[in-house]
Amino acid sequence: MREISHYAHKVTCDPQEPDTKPGPYYVSVTDGPQFAVLLGPFEKHKDALDRVEDVRAKAIELDPFAHFYSFGTVRMKPSYLKPGKLNAYFPLYGQQQV
């Protein structure tokens, strides 16, 4: 019997409509009860949405267990302006800071 060494399942769907409310928006990750903001802040939700796949790829490169995490976006309270944990890996994106 062959052993399965890797399996990836990706669901495709229509693109998410960006939220029109002002930010700050972040690319986020969840792993069970754990949550983190990885890239941002962005003023516009579309800017965060456009970077989810790049952030997912970088997270998997840094931590192979990230294949099992959930990635998306989140809008935080206006007073939350901390940099994302992976901002240093994305200097060329010209992030629109809030």
Protein backbone atom coordinates (compact mmCIF):
# COMPACT_ATOMS: atom_id res chain seq x y z
CA MET A 1 0.00 0.00 0.00
CA ARG A 2 1.33 3.46 -0.92
CA GLU A 3 1.62 6.07 1.78
CA ILE A 4 0.08 9.48 1.13
CA SER A 5 2.78 12.08 1.67
CA HIS A 6 0.89 15.20 0.63
CA TYR A 7 -2.69 16.16 -0.11
CA ALA A 8 -4.09 19.57 -0.96
CA HIS A 9 -7.73 20.36 -1.54
CA LYS A 10 -8.70 23.82 -2.67
CA VAL A 11 -12.27 24.93 -3.10
CA THR A 12 -12.88 27.41 -5.88
CA CYS A 13 -15.71 29.90 -5.69
CA ASP A 14 -16.66 33.34 -6.88
CA PRO A 15 -14.38 36.13 -5.61
CA GLN A 16 -15.48 37.80 -2.40
CA GLU A 17 -16.97 41.25 -2.76
CA PRO A 18 -14.78 43.71 -0.85
CA ASP A 19 -16.24 45.40 2.21
CA THR A 20 -16.70 49.13 1.61
CA LYS A 21 -16.22 50.19 5.25
CA PRO A 22 -12.91 51.89 6.12
CA GLY A 23 -10.13 49.75 7.62
CA PRO A 24 -7.84 48.77 9.11
CA TYR A 25 -7.92 45.46 7.23
CA TYR A 26 -5.43 42.62 7.55
CA VAL A 27 -4.69 39.28 5.97
CA SER A 28 -5.38 36.90 8.84
CA VAL A 29 -4.81 33.28 9.81
CA THR A 30 -6.61 30.93 12.17
CA ASP A 31 -5.54 27.57 13.51
CA GLY A 32 -8.26 26.22 15.75
CA PRO A 33 -8.63 28.75 18.59
CA GLN A 34 -5.45 30.66 17.61
CA PHE A 35 -5.68 33.80 15.47
CA ALA A 36 -3.11 36.25 14.08
CA VAL A 37 -2.92 39.16 11.66
CA LEU A 38 -0.18 38.50 9.12
CA LEU A 39 -0.13 41.43 6.69
CA GLY A 40 -1.44 44.95 7.03
CA PRO A 41 -2.97 47.26 8.00
CA PHE A 42 -4.69 48.25 4.76
CA GLU A 43 -7.20 51.04 4.35
CA LYS A 44 -9.20 49.10 1.75
CA HIS A 45 -10.51 45.56 2.10
CA LYS A 46 -9.68 44.80 -1.56
CA ASP A 47 -5.98 45.41 -0.86
CA ALA A 48 -6.02 42.75 1.86
CA LEU A 49 -8.10 40.33 -0.26
CA ASP A 50 -5.64 40.65 -3.14
CA ARG A 51 -2.77 39.44 -0.93
CA VAL A 52 -4.30 36.40 0.79
CA GLU A 53 -2.78 33.83 -1.59
CA ASP A 54 0.70 35.40 -1.45
CA VAL A 55 0.57 35.45 2.34
CA ARG A 56 -0.63 31.83 2.42
CA ALA A 57 2.32 30.80 0.21
CA LYS A 58 4.83 32.64 2.42
CA ALA A 59 3.32 31.17 5.60
CA ILE A 60 3.59 27.64 4.16
CA GLU A 61 7.19 28.33 3.15
CA LEU A 62 7.98 29.38 6.73
CA ASP A 63 5.86 26.71 8.45
CA PRO A 64 4.80 23.57 6.53
CA PHE A 65 1.96 23.04 9.03
CA ALA A 66 0.38 26.21 7.60
CA HIS A 67 -1.16 23.95 4.93
CA PHE A 68 -3.71 23.13 7.62
CA TYR A 69 -4.47 26.74 8.67
CA SER A 70 -7.30 28.96 7.43
CA PHE A 71 -6.39 32.24 5.74
CA GLY A 72 -8.63 35.22 5.05
CA THR A 73 -9.10 38.86 5.95
CA VAL A 74 -10.31 40.72 8.99
CA ARG A 75 -11.29 44.31 9.77
CA MET A 76 -10.04 45.39 13.17
CA LYS A 77 -11.17 48.27 15.38
CA PRO A 78 -9.90 51.66 14.12
CA SER A 79 -7.59 51.92 17.13
CA TYR A 80 -5.77 48.67 16.22
CA LEU A 81 -2.87 49.61 13.93
CA LYS A 82 -0.20 47.04 14.79
CA PRO A 83 1.86 45.75 11.85
CA GLY A 84 1.14 42.25 10.56
CA LYS A 85 3.52 39.49 11.67
CA LEU A 86 4.75 38.91 8.09
CA ASN A 87 5.00 42.55 6.96
CA ALA A 88 8.80 42.31 6.77
CA TYR A 89 8.50 39.66 4.04
CA PHE A 90 6.41 41.90 1.76
CA PRO A 91 8.34 45.17 1.31
CA LEU A 92 7.58 45.42 -2.42
CA TYR A 93 3.79 45.44 -2.13
CA GLY A 94 3.59 49.16 -1.39
CA GLN A 95 1.14 48.54 1.39
CA GLN A 96 -1.36 51.29 1.89
CA GLN A 97 -1.01 51.98 5.57
CA VAL A 98 -4.08 53.23 7.43
